[in-house]
Amino acid sequence: MMNNSDVIHFETRVPIREVMRSHPTTIDVGETVARAAQAMCRDEVGSCIVLQNSLPIGIVTEEDINCKVVAKDMKPGNVHVDRIMSTPLITIGADRMVGDAVAMMVKHRVRRLPVVENQRVIGIVTVRDILTVAAEVNELLADLIEINREEVYTMGVCDRCGDMSDDLSRVDNLMLCHACREEEQLL
């Protein structure tokens, strides 16, 4: 029988490579916020990884643009990304697990982690990516529990007659006592 710690262990042992999005949106450190916003719109994402000499040095998010440029009534075409990017960049290695990413996100209070290999950005993993995987795993586990329910719950209340029984079995997605199962066979 699986307990909660088994479920958490299973979910968090998923390799980052399995949940990351490859080819994240990047922008050169010398570009403007307007160019970053255009790239994010083009790729339908909420962030741009800032590169200097092809190496990741920061990240610009929609929130950065809104709070550090728009809210201050600055013109995005006149502001360079290095003025508003979040730095130092918190990254995760491609060989790490989802649980490692979650721990890093919580510790550093970030929602996105660029995935690096040999100092180069190869992907990005977000809170949404992790929640999607967690939801899928939980659905699979729920299905497994349902399939095995009759082995786990042999005692309880019959779904048809409402009597207590220590001999419940699944019939057409109902847990039935011995008498109701015999009745079902006659129908």
C-alpha atoms as a PDB file:
ATOM      1  CA  MET A   1       0.000   0.000   0.000  1.00  0.00           C
ATOM      2  CA  MET A   2       1.291   3.471  -0.898  1.00  0.00           C
ATOM      3  CA  ASN A   3       1.501   6.214   1.693  1.00  0.00           C
ATOM      4  CA  ASN A   4       1.826   9.978   1.245  1.00  0.00           C
ATOM      5  CA  SER A   5       5.614   9.995   1.498  1.00  0.00           C
ATOM      6  CA  ASP A   6       5.789   7.474  -1.360  1.00  0.00           C
ATOM      7  CA  VAL A   7       3.646   9.739  -3.525  1.00  0.00           C
ATOM      8  CA  ILE A   8       5.799  12.795  -2.806  1.00  0.00           C
ATOM      9  CA  HIS A   9       8.982  10.820  -3.483  1.00  0.00           C
ATOM     10  CA  PHE A  10       7.577   9.507  -6.757  1.00  0.00           C
ATOM     11  CA  GLU A  11       6.526  12.957  -7.990  1.00  0.00           C
ATOM     12  CA  THR A  12       9.764  14.685  -7.082  1.00  0.00           C
ATOM     13  CA  ARG A  13      12.080  12.089  -8.639  1.00  0.00           C
ATOM     14  CA  VAL A  14      11.031  13.170 -12.126  1.00  0.00           C
ATOM     15  CA  PRO A  15      14.090  14.520 -13.987  1.00  0.00           C
ATOM     16  CA  ILE A  16      14.031  18.227 -14.864  1.00  0.00           C
ATOM     17  CA  ARG A  17      14.661  17.271 -18.511  1.00  0.00           C
ATOM     18  CA  GLU A  18      11.213  15.643 -18.556  1.00  0.00           C
ATOM     19  CA  VAL A  19       9.319  18.786 -17.500  1.00  0.00           C
ATOM     20  CA  MET A  20      11.427  21.676 -18.821  1.00  0.00           C
ATOM     21  CA  ARG A  21      10.566  23.603 -21.937  1.00  0.00           C
ATOM     22  CA  SER A  22      13.449  23.550 -24.398  1.00  0.00           C
ATOM     23  CA  HIS A  23      14.685  26.623 -26.250  1.00  0.00           C
ATOM     24  CA  PRO A  24      13.576  29.300 -23.783  1.00  0.00           C
ATOM     25  CA  THR A  25      13.214  32.890 -24.920  1.00  0.00           C
ATOM     26  CA  THR A  26      16.503  34.755 -24.585  1.00  0.00           C
ATOM     27  CA  ILE A  27      17.677  38.276 -25.226  1.00  0.00           C
ATOM     28  CA  ASP A  28      21.065  39.957 -25.335  1.00  0.00           C
ATOM     29  CA  VAL A  29      22.019  42.161 -22.394  1.00  0.00           C
ATOM     30  CA  GLY A  30      22.252  45.212 -24.681  1.00  0.00           C
ATOM     31  CA  GLU A  31      18.653  44.998 -25.923  1.00  0.00           C
ATOM     32  CA  THR A  32      15.757  47.156 -24.774  1.00  0.00           C
ATOM     33  CA  VAL A  33      12.784  46.245 -22.649  1.00  0.00           C
ATOM     34  CA  ALA A  34      10.603  46.807 -25.732  1.00  0.00           C
ATOM     35  CA  ARG A  35      12.545  44.076 -27.587  1.00  0.00           C
ATOM     36  CA  ALA A  36      12.197  41.758 -24.571  1.00  0.00           C
ATOM     37  CA  ALA A  37       8.429  42.351 -24.477  1.00  0.00           C
ATOM     38  CA  GLN A  38       8.193  41.673 -28.221  1.00  0.00           C
ATOM     39  CA  ALA A  39      10.111  38.406 -27.817  1.00  0.00           C
ATOM     40  CA  MET A  40       7.875  37.320 -24.923  1.00  0.00           C
ATOM     41  CA  CYS A  41       4.742  38.118 -26.946  1.00  0.00           C
ATOM     42  CA  ARG A  42       6.103  36.292 -29.994  1.00  0.00           C
ATOM     43  CA  ASP A  43       6.884  33.165 -27.955  1.00  0.00           C
ATOM     44  CA  GLU A  44       3.818  33.492 -25.677  1.00  0.00           C
ATOM     45  CA  VAL A  45       5.907  33.302 -22.490  1.00  0.00           C
ATOM     46  CA  GLY A  46       6.279  35.405 -19.362  1.00  0.00           C
ATOM     47  CA  SER A  47      10.038  35.825 -19.255  1.00  0.00           C
ATOM     48  CA  CYS A  48      13.260  36.324 -21.198  1.00  0.00           C
ATOM     49  CA  ILE A  49      16.623  35.016 -20.075  1.00  0.00           C
ATOM     50  CA  VAL A  50      19.260  37.715 -20.477  1.00  0.00           C
ATOM     51  CA  LEU A  51      22.509  36.589 -22.102  1.00  0.00           C
ATOM     52  CA  GLN A  52      25.944  38.164 -22.195  1.00  0.00           C
ATOM     53  CA  ASN A  53      28.386  36.498 -24.588  1.00  0.00           C
ATOM     54  CA  SER A  54      25.868  33.617 -24.846  1.00  0.00           C
ATOM     55  CA  LEU A  55      26.005  33.002 -21.079  1.00  0.00           C
ATOM     56  CA  PRO A  56      22.943  33.540 -18.848  1.00  0.00           C
ATOM     57  CA  ILE A  57      23.307  36.487 -16.450  1.00  0.00           C
ATOM     58  CA  GLY A  58      19.743  37.499 -15.559  1.00  0.00           C
ATOM     59  CA  ILE A  59      16.047  37.199 -16.287  1.00  0.00           C
ATOM     60  CA  VAL A  60      13.372  39.725 -17.221  1.00  0.00           C
ATOM     61  CA  THR A  61       9.764  38.856 -16.400  1.00  0.00           C
ATOM     62  CA  GLU A  62       6.413  40.438 -17.175  1.00  0.00           C
ATOM     63  CA  GLU A  63       6.350  41.599 -13.565  1.00  0.00           C
ATOM     64  CA  ASP A  64       9.729  43.318 -14.002  1.00  0.00           C
ATOM     65  CA  ILE A  65       8.418  45.176 -17.052  1.00  0.00           C
ATOM     66  CA  ASN A  66       5.181  46.177 -15.327  1.00  0.00           C
ATOM     67  CA  CYS A  67       6.698  47.243 -12.005  1.00  0.00           C
ATOM     68  CA  LYS A  68      10.049  48.647 -13.079  1.00  0.00           C
ATOM     69  CA  VAL A  69       9.125  50.292 -16.390  1.00  0.00           C
ATOM     70  CA  VAL A  70       5.392  50.716 -17.004  1.00  0.00           C
ATOM     71  CA  ALA A  71       4.470  51.678 -13.420  1.00  0.00           C
ATOM     72  CA  LYS A  72       7.238  54.290 -13.453  1.00  0.00           C
ATOM     73  CA  ASP A  73       5.982  55.686 -16.769  1.00  0.00           C
ATOM     74  CA  MET A  74       9.269  54.912 -18.506  1.00  0.00           C
ATOM     75  CA  LYS A  75       9.450  54.233 -22.230  1.00  0.00           C
ATOM     76  CA  PRO A  76      10.322  50.532 -22.854  1.00  0.00           C
ATOM     77  CA  GLY A  77      12.292  51.436 -25.977  1.00  0.00           C
ATOM     78  CA  ASN A  78      14.605  53.648 -23.919  1.00  0.00           C
ATOM     79  CA  VAL A  79      15.327  51.190 -21.090  1.00  0.00           C
ATOM     80  CA  HIS A  80      17.846  48.379 -21.476  1.00  0.00           C
ATOM     81  CA  VAL A  81      17.111  44.970 -19.973  1.00  0.00           C
ATOM     82  CA  ASP A  82      20.229  45.075 -17.771  1.00  0.00           C
ATOM     83  CA  ARG A  83      18.578  47.900 -15.777  1.00  0.00           C
ATOM     84  CA  ILE A  84      15.536  45.846 -14.797  1.00  0.00           C
ATOM     85  CA  MET A  85      16.660  42.199 -14.962  1.00  0.00           C
ATOM     86  CA  SER A  86      16.719  40.037 -11.855  1.00  0.00           C
ATOM     87  CA  THR A  87      20.246  39.020 -11.019  1.00  0.00           C
ATOM     88  CA  PRO A  88      22.066  36.942  -9.948  1.00  0.00           C
ATOM     89  CA  LEU A  89      20.272  34.376 -12.035  1.00  0.00           C
ATOM     90  CA  ILE A  90      19.094  31.322 -10.094  1.00  0.00           C
ATOM     91  CA  THR A  91      19.544  28.268 -12.340  1.00  0.00           C
ATOM     92  CA  ILE A  92      19.259  24.520 -12.047  1.00  0.00           C
ATOM     93  CA  GLY A  93      21.331  21.795 -13.681  1.00  0.00           C
ATOM     94  CA  ALA A  94      19.727  19.598 -16.297  1.00  0.00           C
ATOM     95  CA  ASP A  95      20.640  16.485 -14.281  1.00  0.00           C
ATOM     96  CA  ARG A  96      18.593  17.540 -11.226  1.00  0.00           C
ATOM     97  CA  MET A  97      15.128  16.384 -10.198  1.00  0.00           C
ATOM     98  CA  VAL A  98      11.790  18.205  -9.927  1.00  0.00           C
ATOM     99  CA  GLY A  99      12.034  18.070  -6.131  1.00  0.00           C
ATOM    100  CA  ASP A 100      15.310  19.980  -6.323  1.00  0.00           C
ATOM    101  CA  ALA A 101      13.645  22.630  -8.491  1.00  0.00           C
ATOM    102  CA  VAL A 102      10.763  23.016  -6.042  1.00  0.00           C
ATOM    103  CA  ALA A 103      13.177  23.412  -3.125  1.00  0.00           C
ATOM    104  CA  MET A 104      15.156  26.060  -5.029  1.00  0.00           C
ATOM    105  CA  MET A 105      12.016  27.956  -6.043  1.00  0.00           C
ATOM    106  CA  VAL A 106      10.825  28.071  -2.451  1.00  0.00           C
ATOM    107  CA  LYS A 107      14.232  29.012  -1.044  1.00  0.00           C
ATOM    108  CA  HIS A 108      14.843  31.805  -3.562  1.00  0.00           C
ATOM    109  CA  ARG A 109      11.187  32.844  -3.953  1.00  0.00           C
ATOM    110  CA  VAL A 110      11.207  32.486  -7.753  1.00  0.00           C
ATOM    111  CA  ARG A 111       8.696  30.988 -10.176  1.00  0.00           C
ATOM    112  CA  ARG A 112      11.065  30.216 -13.037  1.00  0.00           C
ATOM    113  CA  LEU A 113      14.375  28.383 -13.203  1.00  0.00           C
ATOM    114  CA  PRO A 114      16.528  28.409 -16.320  1.00  0.00           C
ATOM    115  CA  VAL A 115      17.981  24.938 -16.903  1.00  0.00           C
ATOM    116  CA  VAL A 116      21.689  24.955 -17.672  1.00  0.00           C
ATOM    117  CA  GLU A 117      24.182  22.466 -18.985  1.00  0.00           C
ATOM    118  CA  ASN A 118      27.847  23.390 -19.413  1.00  0.00           C
ATOM    119  CA  GLN A 119      26.954  26.991 -18.486  1.00  0.00           C
ATOM    120  CA  ARG A 120      24.549  27.222 -21.471  1.00  0.00           C
ATOM    121  CA  VAL A 121      20.783  27.606 -21.165  1.00  0.00           C
ATOM    122  CA  ILE A 122      19.018  24.566 -22.589  1.00  0.00           C
ATOM    123  CA  GLY A 123      15.559  25.059 -21.106  1.00  0.00           C
ATOM    124  CA  ILE A 124      13.377  26.613 -18.455  1.00  0.00           C
ATOM    125  CA  VAL A 125      11.109  25.093 -15.824  1.00  0.00           C
ATOM    126  CA  THR A 126       8.277  27.043 -14.226  1.00  0.00           C
ATOM    127  CA  VAL A 127       5.901  26.506 -11.345  1.00  0.00           C
ATOM    128  CA  ARG A 128       3.179  25.809 -13.915  1.00  0.00           C
ATOM    129  CA  ASP A 129       5.301  23.066 -15.526  1.00  0.00           C
ATOM    130  CA  ILE A 130       5.794  21.401 -12.142  1.00  0.00           C
ATOM    131  CA  LEU A 131       2.126  21.687 -11.183  1.00  0.00           C
ATOM    132  CA  THR A 132       1.132  20.127 -14.502  1.00  0.00           C
ATOM    133  CA  VAL A 133       3.384  17.129 -13.859  1.00  0.00           C
ATOM    134  CA  ALA A 134       2.151  16.820 -10.275  1.00  0.00           C
ATOM    135  CA  ALA A 135      -1.472  16.867 -11.443  1.00  0.00           C
ATOM    136  CA  GLU A 136      -0.792  14.198 -14.076  1.00  0.00           C
ATOM    137  CA  VAL A 137       0.986  11.972 -11.569  1.00  0.00           C
ATOM    138  CA  ASN A 138      -1.821  12.426  -9.047  1.00  0.00           C
ATOM    139  CA  GLU A 139      -4.390  11.435 -11.698  1.00  0.00           C
ATOM    140  CA  LEU A 140      -2.428   8.283 -12.479  1.00  0.00           C
ATOM    141  CA  LEU A 141      -2.145   7.435  -8.797  1.00  0.00           C
ATOM    142  CA  ALA A 142      -5.879   8.009  -8.299  1.00  0.00           C
ATOM    143  CA  ASP A 143      -6.567   5.622 -11.189  1.00  0.00           C
ATOM    144  CA  LEU A 144      -4.267   3.012  -9.649  1.00  0.00           C
ATOM    145  CA  ILE A 145      -5.973   3.383  -6.285  1.00  0.00           C
ATOM    146  CA  GLU A 146      -9.390   3.022  -7.900  1.00  0.00           C
ATOM    147  CA  ILE A 147      -8.321  -0.083  -9.814  1.00  0.00           C
ATOM    148  CA  ASN A 148      -7.048  -1.655  -6.617  1.00  0.00           C
ATOM    149  CA  ARG A 149      -9.861  -0.376  -4.391  1.00  0.00           C
ATOM    150  CA  GLU A 150     -11.552  -3.742  -4.018  1.00  0.00           C
ATOM    151  CA  GLU A 151      -8.346  -5.231  -2.615  1.00  0.00           C
ATOM    152  CA  VAL A 152      -8.043  -2.435  -0.057  1.00  0.00           C
ATOM    153  CA  TYR A 153     -11.667  -1.994   0.982  1.00  0.00           C
ATOM    154  CA  THR A 154     -13.254  -5.387   1.660  1.00  0.00           C
ATOM    155  CA  MET A 155     -15.064  -4.071   4.741  1.00  0.00           C
ATOM    156  CA  GLY A 156     -17.548  -1.247   4.755  1.00  0.00           C
ATOM    157  CA  VAL A 157     -21.071  -0.283   3.717  1.00  0.00           C
ATOM    158  CA  CYS A 158     -22.674  -1.895   0.699  1.00  0.00           C
ATOM    159  CA  ASP A 159     -23.398   0.689  -2.001  1.00  0.00           C
ATOM    160  CA  ARG A 160     -26.776  -0.944  -2.822  1.00  0.00           C
ATOM    161  CA  CYS A 161     -28.420  -2.023   0.448  1.00  0.00           C
ATOM    162  CA  GLY A 162     -26.482   0.142   2.906  1.00  0.00           C
ATOM    163  CA  ASP A 163     -25.689  -2.769   5.263  1.00  0.00           C
ATOM    164  CA  MET A 164     -22.291  -3.218   6.881  1.00  0.00           C
ATOM    165  CA  SER A 165     -20.305  -6.071   5.395  1.00  0.00           C
ATOM    166  CA  ASP A 166     -16.862  -7.600   5.762  1.00  0.00           C
ATOM    167  CA  ASP A 167     -17.164  -9.155   2.289  1.00  0.00           C
ATOM    168  CA  LEU A 168     -17.506  -6.256  -0.185  1.00  0.00           C
ATOM    169  CA  SER A 169     -16.506  -6.722  -3.820  1.00  0.00           C
ATOM    170  CA  ARG A 170     -16.651  -4.416  -6.835  1.00  0.00           C
ATOM    171  CA  VAL A 171     -19.437  -5.038  -9.345  1.00  0.00           C
ATOM    172  CA  ASP A 172     -20.064  -2.469 -12.095  1.00  0.00           C
ATOM    173  CA  ASN A 173     -18.214   0.209 -10.139  1.00  0.00           C
ATOM    174  CA  LEU A 174     -20.227  -0.431  -6.957  1.00  0.00           C
ATOM    175  CA  MET A 175     -18.984  -2.075  -3.759  1.00  0.00           C
ATOM    176  CA  LEU A 176     -21.568  -4.802  -3.023  1.00  0.00           C
ATOM    177  CA  CYS A 177     -22.085  -7.250  -0.166  1.00  0.00           C
ATOM    178  CA  HIS A 178     -22.477 -10.991  -0.812  1.00  0.00           C
ATOM    179  CA  ALA A 179     -26.303 -10.861  -0.875  1.00  0.00           C
ATOM    180  CA  CYS A 180     -26.427  -7.930  -3.331  1.00  0.00           C
ATOM    181  CA  ARG A 181     -23.846  -9.619  -5.575  1.00  0.00           C
ATOM    182  CA  GLU A 182     -26.006 -12.755  -5.718  1.00  0.00           C
ATOM    183  CA  GLU A 183     -29.035 -10.583  -6.490  1.00  0.00           C
ATOM    184  CA  GLU A 184     -27.033  -8.849  -9.256  1.00  0.00           C
ATOM    185  CA  GLN A 185     -26.215 -12.207 -10.867  1.00  0.00           C
ATOM    186  CA  LEU A 186     -29.942 -13.073 -11.035  1.00  0.00           C
ATOM    187  CA  LEU A 187     -30.738  -9.878 -12.974  1.00  0.00           C
END
